[in-house]
Amino acid sequence: AEAMIKEVRQKARDFDSNKAMAMVNVGRQQSDLALDMAMINYQQAKAVEAQQFFAQGVQAWPGNPRIKELRTSFVKGASDVDKAIQDFDRLY
């Protein structure tokens, strides 16, 4: 979106890009906040809430680079829990 705004700004010198950039920034902030809340809920073992916040983060800004990072953390965390359960079952 940022690139498109800059392109329009170059073609139409009278285009006020401030409002458009503000919308982009709001979307980024909403996404980051939702992803932060997803991580907090995940750490508190609130999977349903974490999933809801994660979805909100993706919806607010699908291109957020933190999405991949958090998804990887969630999958790794789930794998670690599975491994711990298997180790517990095997040892006891």
PDB file of N, CA and C in Angstrom:
ATOM      1  N   ALA A   1       0.822  -1.185   0.000  1.00  0.00           N
ATOM      2  CA  ALA A   1       0.000   0.000   0.000  1.00  0.00           C
ATOM      3  C   ALA A   1       0.871   1.255   0.000  1.00  0.00           C
ATOM      4  N   GLU A   2       1.972   1.163   0.746  1.00  0.00           N
ATOM      5  CA  GLU A   2       2.861   2.323   0.824  1.00  0.00           C
ATOM      6  C   GLU A   2       3.417   2.686  -0.546  1.00  0.00           C
ATOM      7  N   ALA A   3       3.810   1.683  -1.301  1.00  0.00           N
ATOM      8  CA  ALA A   3       4.367   1.918  -2.635  1.00  0.00           C
ATOM      9  C   ALA A   3       3.318   2.542  -3.549  1.00  0.00           C
ATOM     10  N   MET A   4       2.087   2.080  -3.438  1.00  0.00           N
ATOM     11  CA  MET A   4       1.017   2.630  -4.267  1.00  0.00           C
ATOM     12  C   MET A   4       0.756   4.095  -3.915  1.00  0.00           C
ATOM     13  N   ILE A   5       0.789   4.391  -2.641  1.00  0.00           N
ATOM     14  CA  ILE A   5       0.569   5.779  -2.198  1.00  0.00           C
ATOM     15  C   ILE A   5       1.672   6.678  -2.744  1.00  0.00           C
ATOM     16  N   LYS A   6       2.911   6.211  -2.673  1.00  0.00           N
ATOM     17  CA  LYS A   6       4.031   6.998  -3.196  1.00  0.00           C
ATOM     18  C   LYS A   6       3.906   7.189  -4.706  1.00  0.00           C
ATOM     19  N   GLU A   7       3.465   6.148  -5.391  1.00  0.00           N
ATOM     20  CA  GLU A   7       3.298   6.227  -6.849  1.00  0.00           C
ATOM     21  C   GLU A   7       2.227   7.249  -7.214  1.00  0.00           C
ATOM     22  N   VAL A   8       1.102   7.209  -6.502  1.00  0.00           N
ATOM     23  CA  VAL A   8       0.034   8.183  -6.756  1.00  0.00           C
ATOM     24  C   VAL A   8       0.532   9.588  -6.449  1.00  0.00           C
ATOM     25  N   ARG A   9       1.291   9.714  -5.358  1.00  0.00           N
ATOM     26  CA  ARG A   9       1.829  11.022  -4.960  1.00  0.00           C
ATOM     27  C   ARG A   9       2.737  11.598  -6.045  1.00  0.00           C
ATOM     28  N   GLN A  10       3.524  10.734  -6.695  1.00  0.00           N
ATOM     29  CA  GLN A  10       4.417  11.197  -7.759  1.00  0.00           C
ATOM     30  C   GLN A  10       3.641  11.610  -9.000  1.00  0.00           C
ATOM     31  N   LYS A  11       2.553  10.892  -9.296  1.00  0.00           N
ATOM     32  CA  LYS A  11       1.769  11.189 -10.499  1.00  0.00           C
ATOM     33  C   LYS A  11       0.815  12.361 -10.298  1.00  0.00           C
ATOM     34  N   ALA A  12       0.289  12.477  -9.093  1.00  0.00           N
ATOM     35  CA  ALA A  12      -0.654  13.559  -8.798  1.00  0.00           C
ATOM     36  C   ALA A  12      -0.079  14.398  -7.661  1.00  0.00           C
ATOM     37  N   ARG A  13       0.577  15.450  -8.007  1.00  0.00           N
ATOM     38  CA  ARG A  13       1.281  16.278  -7.026  1.00  0.00           C
ATOM     39  C   ARG A  13       0.335  16.879  -5.973  1.00  0.00           C
ATOM     40  N   ASP A  14      -0.952  17.012  -6.322  1.00  0.00           N
ATOM     41  CA  ASP A  14      -1.891  17.597  -5.365  1.00  0.00           C
ATOM     42  C   ASP A  14      -2.509  16.548  -4.437  1.00  0.00           C
ATOM     43  N   PHE A  15      -2.103  15.306  -4.574  1.00  0.00           N
ATOM     44  CA  PHE A  15      -2.623  14.229  -3.725  1.00  0.00           C
ATOM     45  C   PHE A  15      -2.059  14.352  -2.319  1.00  0.00           C
ATOM     46  N   ASP A  16      -2.951  14.420  -1.337  1.00  0.00           N
ATOM     47  CA  ASP A  16      -2.531  14.504   0.065  1.00  0.00           C
ATOM     48  C   ASP A  16      -2.367  13.078   0.587  1.00  0.00           C
ATOM     49  N   SER A  17      -1.129  12.669   0.727  1.00  0.00           N
ATOM     50  CA  SER A  17      -0.850  11.298   1.133  1.00  0.00           C
ATOM     51  C   SER A  17      -0.910  11.087   2.649  1.00  0.00           C
ATOM     52  N   ASN A  18      -1.079  12.150   3.403  1.00  0.00           N
ATOM     53  CA  ASN A  18      -1.068  12.040   4.866  1.00  0.00           C
ATOM     54  C   ASN A  18      -2.177  11.131   5.389  1.00  0.00           C
ATOM     55  N   LYS A  19      -3.391  11.292   4.894  1.00  0.00           N
ATOM     56  CA  LYS A  19      -4.503  10.464   5.373  1.00  0.00           C
ATOM     57  C   LYS A  19      -4.308   9.006   4.970  1.00  0.00           C
ATOM     58  N   ALA A  20      -3.861   8.792   3.759  1.00  0.00           N
ATOM     59  CA  ALA A  20      -3.651   7.422   3.294  1.00  0.00           C
ATOM     60  C   ALA A  20      -2.549   6.734   4.101  1.00  0.00           C
ATOM     61  N   MET A  21      -1.458   7.442   4.359  1.00  0.00           N
ATOM     62  CA  MET A  21      -0.372   6.866   5.153  1.00  0.00           C
ATOM     63  C   MET A  21      -0.809   6.637   6.600  1.00  0.00           C
ATOM     64  N   ALA A  22      -1.652   7.505   7.109  1.00  0.00           N
ATOM     65  CA  ALA A  22      -2.173   7.317   8.465  1.00  0.00           C
ATOM     66  C   ALA A  22      -2.987   6.030   8.546  1.00  0.00           C
ATOM     67  N   MET A  23      -3.763   5.747   7.514  1.00  0.00           N
ATOM     68  CA  MET A  23      -4.549   4.502   7.487  1.00  0.00           C
ATOM     69  C   MET A  23      -3.631   3.284   7.440  1.00  0.00           C
ATOM     70  N   VAL A  24      -2.579   3.374   6.663  1.00  0.00           N
ATOM     71  CA  VAL A  24      -1.614   2.272   6.585  1.00  0.00           C
ATOM     72  C   VAL A  24      -0.977   2.057   7.956  1.00  0.00           C
ATOM     73  N   ASN A  25      -0.579   3.129   8.594  1.00  0.00           N
ATOM     74  CA  ASN A  25       0.057   3.020   9.910  1.00  0.00           C
ATOM     75  C   ASN A  25      -0.897   2.480  10.969  1.00  0.00           C
ATOM     76  N   VAL A  26      -2.157   2.867  10.909  1.00  0.00           N
ATOM     77  CA  VAL A  26      -3.153   2.350  11.849  1.00  0.00           C
ATOM     78  C   VAL A  26      -3.311   0.839  11.649  1.00  0.00           C
ATOM     79  N   GLY A  27      -3.358   0.406  10.414  1.00  0.00           N
ATOM     80  CA  GLY A  27      -3.465  -1.032  10.129  1.00  0.00           C
ATOM     81  C   GLY A  27      -2.279  -1.803  10.675  1.00  0.00           C
ATOM     82  N   ARG A  28      -1.099  -1.240  10.517  1.00  0.00           N
ATOM     83  CA  ARG A  28       0.111  -1.885  11.047  1.00  0.00           C
ATOM     84  C   ARG A  28       0.054  -1.979  12.571  1.00  0.00           C
ATOM     85  N   GLN A  29      -0.343  -0.886  13.203  1.00  0.00           N
ATOM     86  CA  GLN A  29      -0.412  -0.872  14.665  1.00  0.00           C
ATOM     87  C   GLN A  29      -1.471  -1.843  15.181  1.00  0.00           C
ATOM     88  N   GLN A  30      -2.606  -1.898  14.503  1.00  0.00           N
ATOM     89  CA  GLN A  30      -3.660  -2.837  14.902  1.00  0.00           C
ATOM     90  C   GLN A  30      -3.156  -4.278  14.778  1.00  0.00           C
ATOM     91  N   SER A  31      -2.465  -4.546  13.702  1.00  0.00           N
ATOM     92  CA  SER A  31      -1.932  -5.884  13.487  1.00  0.00           C
ATOM     93  C   SER A  31      -0.913  -6.247  14.558  1.00  0.00           C
ATOM     94  N   ASP A  32       0.012  -5.336  14.819  1.00  0.00           N
ATOM     95  CA  ASP A  32       1.038  -5.599  15.836  1.00  0.00           C
ATOM     96  C   ASP A  32       0.421  -5.810  17.214  1.00  0.00           C
ATOM     97  N   LEU A  33      -0.568  -4.996  17.564  1.00  0.00           N
ATOM     98  CA  LEU A  33      -1.222  -5.133  18.859  1.00  0.00           C
ATOM     99  C   LEU A  33      -1.935  -6.490  18.957  1.00  0.00           C
ATOM    100  N   ALA A  34      -2.645  -6.865  17.918  1.00  0.00           N
ATOM    101  CA  ALA A  34      -3.356  -8.145  17.929  1.00  0.00           C
ATOM    102  C   ALA A  34      -2.373  -9.309  18.026  1.00  0.00           C
ATOM    103  N   LEU A  35      -1.243  -9.219  17.310  1.00  0.00           N
ATOM    104  CA  LEU A  35      -0.244 -10.285  17.375  1.00  0.00           C
ATOM    105  C   LEU A  35       0.412 -10.337  18.754  1.00  0.00           C
ATOM    106  N   ASP A  36       0.622  -9.183  19.376  1.00  0.00           N
ATOM    107  CA  ASP A  36       1.140  -9.160  20.749  1.00  0.00           C
ATOM    108  C   ASP A  36       0.155  -9.856  21.694  1.00  0.00           C
ATOM    109  N   MET A  37      -1.122  -9.550  21.532  1.00  0.00           N
ATOM    110  CA  MET A  37      -2.141 -10.175  22.376  1.00  0.00           C
ATOM    111  C   MET A  37      -2.223 -11.682  22.106  1.00  0.00           C
ATOM    112  N   ALA A  38      -2.016 -12.078  20.866  1.00  0.00           N
ATOM    113  CA  ALA A  38      -2.008 -13.505  20.537  1.00  0.00           C
ATOM    114  C   ALA A  38      -0.873 -14.206  21.278  1.00  0.00           C
ATOM    115  N   MET A  39       0.293 -13.599  21.296  1.00  0.00           N
ATOM    116  CA  MET A  39       1.437 -14.205  21.981  1.00  0.00           C
ATOM    117  C   MET A  39       1.200 -14.275  23.488  1.00  0.00           C
ATOM    118  N   ILE A  40       0.660 -13.211  24.054  1.00  0.00           N
ATOM    119  CA  ILE A  40       0.380 -13.205  25.492  1.00  0.00           C
ATOM    120  C   ILE A  40      -0.606 -14.312  25.847  1.00  0.00           C
ATOM    121  N   ASN A  41      -1.675 -14.429  25.076  1.00  0.00           N
ATOM    122  CA  ASN A  41      -2.659 -15.470  25.343  1.00  0.00           C
ATOM    123  C   ASN A  41      -2.087 -16.857  25.128  1.00  0.00           C
ATOM    124  N   TYR A  42      -1.244 -17.005  24.140  1.00  0.00           N
ATOM    125  CA  TYR A  42      -0.588 -18.294  23.886  1.00  0.00           C
ATOM    126  C   TYR A  42       0.283 -18.683  25.080  1.00  0.00           C
ATOM    127  N   GLN A  43       1.033 -17.720  25.605  1.00  0.00           N
ATOM    128  CA  GLN A  43       1.895 -17.984  26.752  1.00  0.00           C
ATOM    129  C   GLN A  43       1.096 -18.314  28.003  1.00  0.00           C
ATOM    130  N   GLN A  44      -0.133 -17.843  28.066  1.00  0.00           N
ATOM    131  CA  GLN A  44      -1.002 -18.131  29.200  1.00  0.00           C
ATOM    132  C   GLN A  44      -1.860 -19.371  28.950  1.00  0.00           C
ATOM    133  N   ALA A  45      -1.538 -20.112  27.904  1.00  0.00           N
ATOM    134  CA  ALA A  45      -2.248 -21.355  27.534  1.00  0.00           C
ATOM    135  C   ALA A  45      -3.725 -21.103  27.221  1.00  0.00           C
ATOM    136  N   LYS A  46      -4.005 -19.972  26.628  1.00  0.00           N
ATOM    137  CA  LYS A  46      -5.362 -19.640  26.190  1.00  0.00           C
ATOM    138  C   LYS A  46      -5.398 -19.733  24.662  1.00  0.00           C
ATOM    139  N   ALA A  47      -5.477 -20.952  24.175  1.00  0.00           N
ATOM    140  CA  ALA A  47      -5.340 -21.202  22.739  1.00  0.00           C
ATOM    141  C   ALA A  47      -6.438 -20.546  21.911  1.00  0.00           C
ATOM    142  N   VAL A  48      -7.675 -20.604  22.381  1.00  0.00           N
ATOM    143  CA  VAL A  48      -8.787 -20.040  21.609  1.00  0.00           C
ATOM    144  C   VAL A  48      -8.616 -18.534  21.443  1.00  0.00           C
ATOM    145  N   GLU A  49      -8.297 -17.867  22.546  1.00  0.00           N
ATOM    146  CA  GLU A  49      -8.096 -16.416  22.495  1.00  0.00           C
ATOM    147  C   GLU A  49      -6.892 -16.064  21.632  1.00  0.00           C
ATOM    148  N   ALA A  50      -5.824 -16.841  21.771  1.00  0.00           N
ATOM    149  CA  ALA A  50      -4.620 -16.600  20.964  1.00  0.00           C
ATOM    150  C   ALA A  50      -4.947 -16.707  19.482  1.00  0.00           C
ATOM    151  N   GLN A  51      -5.725 -17.714  19.130  1.00  0.00           N
ATOM    152  CA  GLN A  51      -6.096 -17.907  17.722  1.00  0.00           C
ATOM    153  C   GLN A  51      -6.938 -16.737  17.216  1.00  0.00           C
ATOM    154  N   GLN A  52      -7.842 -16.247  18.055  1.00  0.00           N
ATOM    155  CA  GLN A  52      -8.690 -15.119  17.647  1.00  0.00           C
ATOM    156  C   GLN A  52      -7.854 -13.859  17.417  1.00  0.00           C
ATOM    157  N   PHE A  53      -6.936 -13.577  18.335  1.00  0.00           N
ATOM    158  CA  PHE A  53      -6.083 -12.394  18.171  1.00  0.00           C
ATOM    159  C   PHE A  53      -5.160 -12.555  16.969  1.00  0.00           C
ATOM    160  N   PHE A  54      -4.659 -13.775  16.749  1.00  0.00           N
ATOM    161  CA  PHE A  54      -3.798 -14.018  15.593  1.00  0.00           C
ATOM    162  C   PHE A  54      -4.559 -13.722  14.303  1.00  0.00           C
ATOM    163  N   ALA A  55      -5.794 -14.189  14.225  1.00  0.00           N
ATOM    164  CA  ALA A  55      -6.631 -13.945  13.041  1.00  0.00           C
ATOM    165  C   ALA A  55      -6.872 -12.451  12.842  1.00  0.00           C
ATOM    166  N   GLN A  56      -7.090 -11.722  13.940  1.00  0.00           N
ATOM    167  CA  GLN A  56      -7.279 -10.273  13.842  1.00  0.00           C
ATOM    168  C   GLN A  56      -6.022  -9.598  13.304  1.00  0.00           C
ATOM    169  N   GLY A  57      -4.870 -10.054  13.764  1.00  0.00           N
ATOM    170  CA  GLY A  57      -3.605  -9.493  13.294  1.00  0.00           C
ATOM    171  C   GLY A  57      -3.396  -9.721  11.809  1.00  0.00           C
ATOM    172  N   VAL A  58      -3.738 -10.918  11.369  1.00  0.00           N
ATOM    173  CA  VAL A  58      -3.605 -11.249   9.941  1.00  0.00           C
ATOM    174  C   VAL A  58      -4.578 -10.417   9.114  1.00  0.00           C
ATOM    175  N   GLN A  59      -5.780 -10.260   9.619  1.00  0.00           N
ATOM    176  CA  GLN A  59      -6.796  -9.496   8.888  1.00  0.00           C
ATOM    177  C   GLN A  59      -6.412  -8.018   8.789  1.00  0.00           C
ATOM    178  N   ALA A  60      -5.857  -7.459   9.854  1.00  0.00           N
ATOM    179  CA  ALA A  60      -5.505  -6.032   9.850  1.00  0.00           C
ATOM    180  C   ALA A  60      -4.364  -5.725   8.888  1.00  0.00           C
ATOM    181  N   TRP A  61      -3.386  -6.630   8.807  1.00  0.00           N
ATOM    182  CA  TRP A  61      -2.254  -6.424   7.893  1.00  0.00           C
ATOM    183  C   TRP A  61      -1.698  -7.781   7.485  1.00  0.00           C
ATOM    184  N   PRO A  62      -2.224  -8.329   6.401  1.00  0.00           N
ATOM    185  CA  PRO A  62      -1.804  -9.667   5.961  1.00  0.00           C
ATOM    186  C   PRO A  62      -0.307  -9.767   5.645  1.00  0.00           C
ATOM    187  N   GLY A  63       0.332  -8.665   5.336  1.00  0.00           N
ATOM    188  CA  GLY A  63       1.748  -8.686   4.982  1.00  0.00           C
ATOM    189  C   GLY A  63       2.689  -8.476   6.161  1.00  0.00           C
ATOM    190  N   ASN A  64       2.167  -8.491   7.374  1.00  0.00           N
ATOM    191  CA  ASN A  64       2.995  -8.265   8.549  1.00  0.00           C
ATOM    192  C   ASN A  64       4.045  -9.375   8.669  1.00  0.00           C
ATOM    193  N   PRO A  65       5.325  -9.014   8.671  1.00  0.00           N
ATOM    194  CA  PRO A  65       6.369 -10.046   8.751  1.00  0.00           C
ATOM    195  C   PRO A  65       6.355 -10.817  10.068  1.00  0.00           C
ATOM    196  N   ARG A  66       5.749 -10.262  11.101  1.00  0.00           N
ATOM    197  CA  ARG A  66       5.669 -10.956  12.393  1.00  0.00           C
ATOM    198  C   ARG A  66       4.736 -12.161  12.345  1.00  0.00           C
ATOM    199  N   ILE A  67       3.852 -12.216  11.364  1.00  0.00           N
ATOM    200  CA  ILE A  67       2.904 -13.331  11.260  1.00  0.00           C
ATOM    201  C   ILE A  67       3.666 -14.650  11.124  1.00  0.00           C
ATOM    202  N   LYS A  68       4.624 -14.693  10.225  1.00  0.00           N
ATOM    203  CA  LYS A  68       5.398 -15.919  10.016  1.00  0.00           C
ATOM    204  C   LYS A  68       6.181 -16.282  11.276  1.00  0.00           C
ATOM    205  N   GLU A  69       6.761 -15.275  11.906  1.00  0.00           N
ATOM    206  CA  GLU A  69       7.544 -15.484  13.130  1.00  0.00           C
ATOM    207  C   GLU A  69       6.681 -16.103  14.231  1.00  0.00           C
ATOM    208  N   LEU A  70       5.484 -15.549  14.451  1.00  0.00           N
ATOM    209  CA  LEU A  70       4.604 -16.072  15.490  1.00  0.00           C
ATOM    210  C   LEU A  70       4.075 -17.448  15.137  1.00  0.00           C
ATOM    211  N   ARG A  71       3.717 -17.640  13.883  1.00  0.00           N
ATOM    212  CA  ARG A  71       3.232 -18.958  13.460  1.00  0.00           C
ATOM    213  C   ARG A  71       4.291 -20.015  13.736  1.00  0.00           C
ATOM    214  N   THR A  72       5.542 -19.696  13.442  1.00  0.00           N
ATOM    215  CA  THR A  72       6.644 -20.621  13.705  1.00  0.00           C
ATOM    216  C   THR A  72       6.772 -20.894  15.198  1.00  0.00           C
ATOM    217  N   SER A  73       6.653 -19.854  16.017  1.00  0.00           N
ATOM    218  CA  SER A  73       6.722 -20.017  17.470  1.00  0.00           C
ATOM    219  C   SER A  73       5.594 -20.906  17.982  1.00  0.00           C
ATOM    220  N   PHE A  74       4.383 -20.697  17.464  1.00  0.00           N
ATOM    221  CA  PHE A  74       3.238 -21.491  17.903  1.00  0.00           C
ATOM    222  C   PHE A  74       3.434 -22.957  17.543  1.00  0.00           C
ATOM    223  N   VAL A  75       3.889 -23.209  16.327  1.00  0.00           N
ATOM    224  CA  VAL A  75       4.089 -24.593  15.883  1.00  0.00           C
ATOM    225  C   VAL A  75       5.205 -25.247  16.685  1.00  0.00           C
ATOM    226  N   LYS A  76       6.294 -24.515  16.914  1.00  0.00           N
ATOM    227  CA  LYS A  76       7.403 -25.058  17.692  1.00  0.00           C
ATOM    228  C   LYS A  76       6.950 -25.346  19.115  1.00  0.00           C
ATOM    229  N   GLY A  77       6.187 -24.434  19.701  1.00  0.00           N
ATOM    230  CA  GLY A  77       5.686 -24.631  21.053  1.00  0.00           C
ATOM    231  C   GLY A  77       4.800 -25.856  21.158  1.00  0.00           C
ATOM    232  N   ALA A  78       3.953 -26.043  20.154  1.00  0.00           N
ATOM    233  CA  ALA A  78       3.086 -27.222  20.148  1.00  0.00           C
ATOM    234  C   ALA A  78       3.919 -28.493  20.023  1.00  0.00           C
ATOM    235  N   SER A  79       4.951 -28.461  19.208  1.00  0.00           N
ATOM    236  CA  SER A  79       5.834 -29.615  19.043  1.00  0.00           C
ATOM    237  C   SER A  79       6.572 -29.920  20.345  1.00  0.00           C
ATOM    238  N   ASP A  80       7.016 -28.879  21.040  1.00  0.00           N
ATOM    239  CA  ASP A  80       7.713 -29.069  22.314  1.00  0.00           C
ATOM    240  C   ASP A  80       6.788 -29.696  23.355  1.00  0.00           C
ATOM    241  N   VAL A  81       5.526 -29.265  23.380  1.00  0.00           N
ATOM    242  CA  VAL A  81       4.567 -29.839  24.321  1.00  0.00           C
ATOM    243  C   VAL A  81       4.330 -31.309  23.990  1.00  0.00           C
ATOM    244  N   ASP A  82       4.142 -31.610  22.710  1.00  0.00           N
ATOM    245  CA  ASP A  82       3.952 -33.007  22.303  1.00  0.00           C
ATOM    246  C   ASP A  82       5.142 -33.864  22.707  1.00  0.00           C
ATOM    247  N   LYS A  83       6.332 -33.352  22.498  1.00  0.00           N
ATOM    248  CA  LYS A  83       7.545 -34.091  22.853  1.00  0.00           C
ATOM    249  C   LYS A  83       7.608 -34.316  24.360  1.00  0.00           C
ATOM    250  N   ALA A  84       7.277 -33.291  25.139  1.00  0.00           N
ATOM    251  CA  ALA A  84       7.304 -33.426  26.594  1.00  0.00           C
ATOM    252  C   ALA A  84       6.296 -34.467  27.074  1.00  0.00           C
ATOM    253  N   ILE A  85       5.126 -34.482  26.466  1.00  0.00           N
ATOM    254  CA  ILE A  85       4.107 -35.482  26.834  1.00  0.00           C
ATOM    255  C   ILE A  85       4.604 -36.885  26.504  1.00  0.00           C
ATOM    256  N   GLN A  86       5.203 -37.044  25.330  1.00  0.00           N
ATOM    257  CA  GLN A  86       5.739 -38.351  24.948  1.00  0.00           C
ATOM    258  C   GLN A  86       6.847 -38.787  25.904  1.00  0.00           C
ATOM    259  N   ASP A  87       7.735 -37.865  26.271  1.00  0.00           N
ATOM    260  CA  ASP A  87       8.808 -38.184  27.218  1.00  0.00           C
ATOM    261  C   ASP A  87       8.222 -38.579  28.575  1.00  0.00           C
ATOM    262  N   PHE A  88       7.232 -37.844  29.016  1.00  0.00           N
ATOM    263  CA  PHE A  88       6.602 -38.164  30.298  1.00  0.00           C
ATOM    264  C   PHE A  88       5.986 -39.556  30.258  1.00  0.00           C
ATOM    265  N   ASP A  89       5.227 -39.863  29.199  1.00  0.00           N
ATOM    266  CA  ASP A  89       4.599 -41.168  29.064  1.00  0.00           C
ATOM    267  C   ASP A  89       5.634 -42.284  29.017  1.00  0.00           C
ATOM    268  N   ARG A  90       6.732 -42.014  28.339  1.00  0.00           N
ATOM    269  CA  ARG A  90       7.774 -43.032  28.190  1.00  0.00           C
ATOM    270  C   ARG A  90       8.475 -43.284  29.538  1.00  0.00           C
ATOM    271  N   LEU A  91       8.713 -42.235  30.306  1.00  0.00           N
ATOM    272  CA  LEU A  91       9.457 -42.368  31.542  1.00  0.00           C
ATOM    273  C   LEU A  91       8.594 -42.830  32.727  1.00  0.00           C
ATOM    274  N   TYR A  92       7.300 -42.561  32.664  1.00  0.00           N
ATOM    275  CA  TYR A  92       6.453 -42.901  33.803  1.00  0.00           C
ATOM    276  C   TYR A  92       5.403 -43.830  33.353  1.00  0.00           C
TER     277      TYR A  92
END
